[in-house]
Protein backbone atom coordinates (compact mmCIF):
# COMPACT_ATOMS: atom_id res chain seq x y z
CA MET A 1 12.18 7.11 3.60
CA ARG A 2 10.29 7.10 0.45
CA ALA A 3 7.45 4.76 0.44
CA TYR A 4 5.41 3.98 -2.55
CA TYR A 5 1.11 2.57 -1.94
CA ALA A 6 -1.99 1.00 -4.28
CA ASP A 7 -3.80 -0.02 -1.38
CA HIS A 8 -6.84 1.99 -2.66
CA PHE A 9 -6.58 0.54 -6.10
CA VAL A 10 -8.66 -2.42 -3.88
CA LEU A 11 -8.24 -5.73 -5.83
CA PRO A 12 -12.11 -7.15 -4.65
CA LEU A 13 -12.45 -10.66 -3.60
CA PRO A 14 -15.33 -13.41 -2.95
CA GLN A 15 -16.56 -13.44 1.29
CA GLY A 16 -14.51 -15.39 3.03
CA HIS A 17 -11.21 -15.14 0.77
CA ARG A 18 -8.07 -16.50 2.22
CA PHE A 19 -5.64 -12.61 1.12
CA PRO A 20 -5.52 -10.34 3.63
CA MET A 21 -6.07 -7.40 1.55
CA GLN A 22 -7.21 -5.13 4.28
CA LYS A 23 -3.50 -5.47 5.69
CA TYR A 24 -1.96 -2.82 2.79
CA ALA A 25 -4.29 0.05 4.10
CA MET A 26 -4.27 -0.85 7.89
CA LEU A 27 0.02 -0.73 7.90
CA ARG A 28 -0.18 2.76 5.62
CA GLU A 29 -2.63 4.28 8.18
CA ARG A 30 -0.91 2.96 11.23
CA LEU A 31 2.58 4.40 9.28
CA VAL A 32 1.28 7.54 8.36
CA ALA A 33 -0.33 8.40 12.38
CA GLN A 34 3.18 6.97 13.44
CA MET A 35 6.44 7.57 11.55
CA PRO A 36 6.22 11.18 10.55
CA GLY A 37 9.80 10.37 8.89
CA ILE A 38 7.78 8.15 6.20
CA GLU A 39 6.97 10.15 2.96
CA MET A 40 4.22 8.44 1.44
CA HIS A 41 3.88 8.69 -2.44
CA GLU A 42 1.10 7.06 -5.03
CA ALA A 43 2.14 4.05 -7.18
CA LEU A 44 1.97 4.49 -11.17
CA PRO A 45 1.13 2.07 -12.79
CA VAL A 46 4.00 0.65 -14.63
CA SER A 47 2.99 -0.02 -18.88
CA ALA A 48 2.71 -3.16 -20.81
CA ASN A 49 6.43 -2.73 -22.61
CA GLU A 50 7.61 -2.48 -19.28
CA LEU A 51 5.92 -5.55 -18.24
CA LYS A 52 7.76 -7.48 -21.48
CA LEU A 53 10.82 -6.94 -19.56
CA VAL A 54 9.86 -10.16 -18.07
CA HIS A 55 6.42 -11.11 -18.96
CA THR A 56 5.41 -12.50 -22.28
CA PRO A 57 2.52 -10.06 -24.70
CA ALA A 58 -0.24 -12.86 -24.31
CA TYR A 59 -0.02 -13.40 -20.43
CA ILE A 60 0.42 -8.96 -20.15
CA ASP A 61 -2.47 -9.14 -22.44
CA ALA A 62 -5.04 -11.74 -20.86
CA VAL A 63 -4.22 -10.05 -17.76
CA PHE A 64 -5.09 -6.38 -19.25
CA ASN A 65 -8.10 -7.61 -21.09
CA GLY A 66 -9.42 -10.14 -19.30
CA THR A 67 -9.17 -13.04 -21.26
CA LEU A 68 -7.16 -15.39 -18.65
CA SER A 69 -8.82 -18.92 -18.55
CA ALA A 70 -10.50 -19.75 -15.42
CA THR A 71 -7.50 -22.38 -14.72
CA ALA A 72 -5.19 -19.44 -14.68
CA GLN A 73 -7.34 -17.40 -12.07
CA ARG A 74 -7.17 -20.69 -10.04
CA GLU A 75 -3.35 -20.82 -10.18
CA ILE A 76 -2.94 -17.25 -9.47
CA GLY A 77 -5.63 -17.24 -6.49
CA PHE A 78 -7.38 -14.52 -7.80
CA PRO A 79 -10.38 -14.09 -9.76
CA TRP A 80 -9.67 -11.54 -12.53
CA SER A 81 -11.51 -7.95 -12.54
CA PRO A 82 -10.53 -4.58 -13.87
CA GLY A 83 -9.43 -3.82 -10.29
CA MET A 84 -7.00 -6.79 -10.49
CA ALA A 85 -4.95 -5.49 -13.32
CA GLU A 86 -4.88 -2.28 -12.49
CA ARG A 87 -3.72 -3.47 -8.48
CA ALA A 88 -1.65 -5.28 -9.84
CA CYS A 89 0.41 -2.88 -12.11
CA ARG A 90 0.24 -0.18 -9.73
CA SER A 91 1.89 -3.07 -7.62
CA VAL A 92 4.68 -3.54 -9.87
CA GLY A 93 4.75 0.23 -10.53
CA GLY A 94 5.35 0.54 -6.91
CA THR A 95 8.84 -1.44 -6.47
CA VAL A 96 9.64 0.54 -9.61
CA LEU A 97 9.67 3.74 -8.57
CA ALA A 98 11.67 2.79 -5.23
CA ALA A 99 14.04 1.76 -6.61
CA ARG A 100 14.26 4.26 -8.86
CA ALA A 101 14.30 6.45 -5.82
CA ALA A 102 17.02 4.44 -4.01
CA LEU A 103 19.39 4.45 -6.89
CA ASN A 104 19.01 8.10 -6.94
CA GLY A 105 20.08 9.25 -3.44
CA GLY A 106 17.41 7.47 -1.09
CA TRP A 107 19.52 4.68 -0.61
CA ILE A 108 16.77 3.20 1.28
CA ALA A 109 12.74 3.18 -0.48
CA THR A 110 9.79 0.57 0.23
CA ASN A 111 6.49 -0.17 -1.57
CA LEU A 112 3.92 -0.98 0.79
CA ALA A 113 3.42 -4.33 -1.85
CA GLY A 114 4.93 -6.09 -4.05
CA GLY A 115 7.19 -9.22 -3.70
CA THR A 116 5.32 -11.25 -5.88
CA HIS A 117 7.89 -13.82 -6.62
CA HIS A 118 6.19 -16.48 -7.81
CA SER A 119 5.18 -14.65 -11.03
CA HIS A 120 6.56 -16.01 -14.08
CA PRO A 121 7.12 -14.88 -17.78
CA GLY A 122 4.15 -16.51 -19.08
CA HIS A 123 1.85 -17.16 -15.38
CA GLY A 124 0.89 -15.82 -12.33
CA SER A 125 0.61 -18.49 -8.82
CA GLY A 126 0.46 -17.71 -5.48
CA PHE A 127 -1.50 -14.61 -4.91
CA CYS A 128 1.21 -13.02 -7.90
CA VAL A 129 -0.34 -11.64 -10.78
CA PHE A 130 3.62 -9.39 -12.37
CA ASN A 131 6.69 -10.36 -10.40
CA ASP A 132 7.60 -6.57 -9.47
CA VAL A 133 10.93 -7.12 -8.77
CA ALA A 134 12.18 -9.03 -11.73
CA VAL A 135 10.34 -5.80 -13.65
CA ALA A 136 11.80 -3.66 -11.43
CA ALA A 137 15.51 -4.93 -12.15
CA ARG A 138 15.20 -5.50 -15.57
CA LEU A 139 14.24 -2.15 -15.98
CA MET A 140 16.75 -0.58 -13.80
CA GLN A 141 18.75 -2.63 -15.84
CA HIS A 142 18.60 -0.80 -18.78
CA GLU A 143 17.86 2.74 -17.48
CA PHE A 144 21.63 2.26 -15.97
CA ALA A 145 22.72 1.28 -19.79
CA MET A 146 21.34 4.29 -21.16
CA GLN A 147 23.50 6.36 -18.49
CA HIS A 148 26.26 4.66 -19.53
CA LEU A 149 26.66 4.07 -22.52
CA GLN A 150 30.36 4.61 -22.30
CA TYR A 151 30.47 1.57 -20.31
CA PRO A 152 28.71 -0.98 -22.61
CA LYS A 153 29.68 -3.54 -20.51
CA ARG A 154 29.40 -2.20 -16.87
CA VAL A 155 25.56 -3.76 -16.07
CA LEU A 156 23.44 -3.21 -13.08
CA GLN A 157 24.24 -6.02 -10.00
CA VAL A 158 20.88 -7.07 -8.24
CA ALA A 159 20.97 -8.79 -5.23
CA VAL A 160 17.82 -10.41 -4.18
CA ILE A 161 17.32 -11.46 -0.54
CA ASP A 162 14.03 -13.08 -0.65
CA LEU A 163 12.60 -13.76 3.16
CA ASP A 164 9.59 -14.65 2.48
CA VAL A 165 9.17 -18.03 4.04
CA HIS A 166 7.80 -18.80 0.20
CA GLN A 167 10.37 -19.96 -2.48
CA GLY A 168 10.35 -17.36 -4.52
CA ASP A 169 9.87 -19.66 -7.87
CA GLY A 170 9.14 -17.13 -10.46
CA THR A 171 11.91 -15.01 -9.56
CA ALA A 172 14.81 -17.88 -9.72
CA HIS A 173 13.10 -18.96 -12.98
CA ILE A 174 13.52 -15.92 -14.36
CA PHE A 175 17.01 -15.21 -13.52
CA THR A 176 18.34 -18.44 -14.03
CA ASN A 177 21.74 -18.48 -15.22
CA ASP A 178 21.75 -14.79 -14.95
CA ASN A 179 25.51 -13.63 -13.58
CA SER A 180 24.21 -9.94 -13.17
CA VAL A 181 21.45 -11.54 -10.46
CA PHE A 182 22.38 -13.26 -7.45
CA THR A 183 18.80 -15.02 -5.80
CA LEU A 184 18.94 -15.98 -1.94
CA SER A 185 15.86 -17.67 -0.96
CA LEU A 186 15.27 -18.86 2.73
CA HIS A 187 12.12 -20.59 2.61
CA GLY A 188 9.90 -23.51 4.49
CA ALA A 189 11.56 -26.71 2.58
CA LYS A 190 7.57 -27.81 3.30
CA ASN A 191 5.69 -25.04 2.06
CA PHE A 192 4.46 -23.24 -1.45
CA PRO A 193 5.42 -23.54 -4.28
CA VAL A 194 5.80 -27.87 -4.03
CA HIS A 195 7.83 -27.91 -7.25
CA LYS A 196 10.75 -25.14 -6.37
CA LYS A 197 13.22 -24.04 -9.21
CA ILE A 198 16.88 -23.41 -8.41
CA SER A 199 18.20 -20.25 -6.88
CA ASP A 200 21.98 -18.81 -6.74
CA CYS A 201 21.45 -19.73 -2.75
CA ASP A 202 18.49 -21.43 -1.31
CA ILE A 203 18.34 -22.17 1.86
CA GLU A 204 15.80 -24.80 3.08
CA LEU A 205 13.98 -24.61 6.52
CA PRO A 206 12.44 -27.08 8.56
CA ASP A 207 8.85 -27.13 9.88
CA GLY A 208 8.72 -25.03 13.41
CA CYS A 209 11.87 -23.58 13.05
CA GLN A 210 12.89 -21.22 15.82
CA ASP A 211 14.72 -18.05 16.65
CA LYS A 212 18.42 -19.29 16.78
CA ASP A 213 18.34 -21.22 13.64
CA TYR A 214 16.69 -19.16 11.67
CA LEU A 215 19.00 -16.09 12.23
CA GLN A 216 21.78 -18.55 11.26
CA ALA A 217 20.16 -19.55 8.49
CA LEU A 218 20.53 -16.17 7.27
CA GLU A 219 23.38 -15.45 8.06
CA GLN A 220 24.77 -18.48 5.99
CA GLY A 221 22.37 -16.07 2.82
CA LEU A 222 24.64 -14.12 3.33
CA THR A 223 27.86 -15.32 3.66
CA SER A 224 27.36 -16.64 0.46
CA LEU A 225 25.95 -13.73 -1.59
CA GLU A 226 29.10 -11.70 0.31
CA LYS A 227 31.69 -14.43 -1.21
CA ARG A 228 29.83 -15.06 -4.82
CA PHE A 229 28.29 -11.40 -5.65
CA CYS A 230 28.80 -7.89 -5.38
CA PRO A 231 25.62 -6.22 -5.74
CA ASP A 232 24.74 -2.69 -6.93
CA LEU A 233 20.94 -2.63 -5.70
CA ILE A 234 19.45 -4.72 -3.11
CA PHE A 235 15.66 -6.34 -3.44
CA TYR A 236 14.63 -7.78 0.26
CA LEU A 237 11.70 -9.14 0.33
CA ALA A 238 10.35 -8.56 3.96
CA GLY A 239 7.85 -11.33 4.10
CA ALA A 240 5.67 -11.28 7.65
CA ASP A 241 5.07 -14.76 7.12
CA PRO A 242 7.93 -16.68 9.12
CA HIS A 243 6.21 -15.61 12.46
CA GLU A 244 5.49 -18.33 14.60
CA ASP A 245 1.81 -16.74 14.58
CA ASP A 246 1.58 -16.58 10.30
CA ARG A 247 -1.25 -19.82 9.30
CA LEU A 248 0.53 -20.70 6.23
CA GLY A 249 4.31 -20.25 7.71
CA ARG A 250 4.98 -23.59 9.82
CA LEU A 251 8.12 -21.59 10.77
CA SER A 252 8.38 -20.24 14.59
CA VAL A 253 10.09 -17.36 14.06
CA SER A 254 9.47 -15.06 17.31
CA ASP A 255 8.30 -10.69 17.35
CA ALA A 256 12.34 -10.14 18.64
CA GLY A 257 13.49 -12.92 15.55
CA MET A 258 12.00 -10.98 12.55
CA GLN A 259 13.26 -7.80 14.08
CA SER A 260 16.85 -9.12 14.85
CA ARG A 261 16.42 -10.57 10.58
CA ASP A 262 15.29 -7.19 9.82
CA ARG A 263 18.22 -5.44 11.47
CA ARG A 264 20.77 -7.75 10.07
CA VAL A 265 19.54 -7.14 6.42
CA PHE A 266 19.82 -2.97 6.84
CA GLU A 267 23.16 -3.82 8.71
CA TRP A 268 24.77 -5.77 6.14
CA ALA A 269 22.86 -3.09 3.23
CA PHE A 270 24.31 -0.01 5.73
CA GLN A 271 27.92 -1.61 5.94
CA ARG A 272 28.47 -1.33 2.15
CA GLN A 273 26.50 1.66 1.65
CA VAL A 274 24.32 -0.04 -1.18
CA PRO A 275 21.08 1.26 -2.22
CA LEU A 276 17.99 -0.92 -0.78
CA VAL A 277 14.74 -1.48 -1.39
CA MET A 278 12.07 -3.45 0.55
CA THR A 279 8.53 -4.85 -0.70
CA MET A 280 6.75 -6.65 1.92
CA ALA A 281 5.95 -10.15 0.65
CA GLY A 282 3.68 -12.62 2.76
CA GLY A 283 1.92 -11.95 5.67
CA TYR A 284 -1.02 -14.44 6.94
CA GLY A 285 -0.63 -13.92 10.53
CA ARG A 286 -3.99 -16.01 12.33
CA ASP A 287 -4.61 -12.47 13.75
CA ILE A 288 -4.11 -9.62 11.14
CA GLU A 289 -3.23 -7.53 14.23
CA SER A 290 0.50 -10.05 14.60
CA THR A 291 1.00 -9.45 11.11
CA LEU A 292 0.29 -5.61 11.14
CA ARG A 293 3.25 -5.65 14.22
CA VAL A 294 5.83 -7.63 12.29
CA GLN A 295 5.52 -5.64 9.13
CA PHE A 296 5.54 -2.45 11.82
CA THR A 297 8.73 -3.29 13.28
CA THR A 298 10.12 -3.65 9.98
CA TYR A 299 9.85 -0.27 8.71
CA ARG A 300 10.79 1.29 12.52
CA VAL A 301 14.16 -0.73 11.50
CA ALA A 302 13.84 0.33 7.88
CA LEU A 303 13.77 4.29 8.63
CA GLU A 304 16.17 3.79 11.99
CA TYR A 305 18.48 3.17 9.23
CA TRP A 306 17.64 5.11 6.51
CA GLN A 307 18.12 8.11 9.07
CA ARG A 308 21.92 6.74 10.28
CA TRP A 309 22.42 6.95 6.25
CA ARG A 310 21.13 10.61 6.51
CA ALA A 311 23.72 11.54 9.34
CA LEU A 312 26.47 9.85 7.49
CA CYS A 313 25.90 11.58 4.44
CA ARG A 314 25.79 14.57 7.20
CA THR A 315 29.02 14.09 8.14
CA ILE A 316 30.74 13.16 4.54
């Protein structure tokens, strides 16, 4: 199973910054040591032209050239630096490469970062510079169209299953009124962002939501997706922040509940044989080990389903 990483391109942050940048390298090191079935590849950066499929030229130029205003930097939550711009491009690049790998016979492929769903066309927000899933979705649709010129009306159908605890407002905004992309978001009703956008299916959860109610809500969301859409590609934002130990999540989903969540999403895709791209999205554990434990388990479930898929392919 292919996984793309960019943790060696470090975003320099001031002392005491609340974003846990070190979790990416720690997760990769743990996966390399304990999951030999995962094939690691360095994420390559996307180009400005690829970013323009979603983002405005003025915003891209400001990120590339370091001319973001102080207000824009505060909204993103990161100070500008060349490292910030480089890492943002490689975070998107990891999701793009994972999407190509999934569509070209890999079935499941992953980005050890990504899930930057608060980024809008003309501005970043909430630790999100560029919207990796939106750019990858648009690029995969473009590449699909180039490969199927004999069917000009056939558009790659993309589903976004966003299980980060915060609503994917940027993604919802980008794909408003786009019938080729279905956005599903399960998120805390009272959590960031204050002003939500409208996804194709939004399910809001109360503070303190526990396993049973969370998993019932997920089932509701998948049922809605099933009834209304038939995807060719799935992007799964496997945020660790619904976990009970997350300091920004405000929900109370246990380790077992998080694993059941992951298993249900992969089972849904497996039953339908739809290629799936997984991004890590948020995770802000009071103890970073709790975030790493949740994310490691997510990868273990992903690898298990990838191996099931490979076994199925050998029997066909």
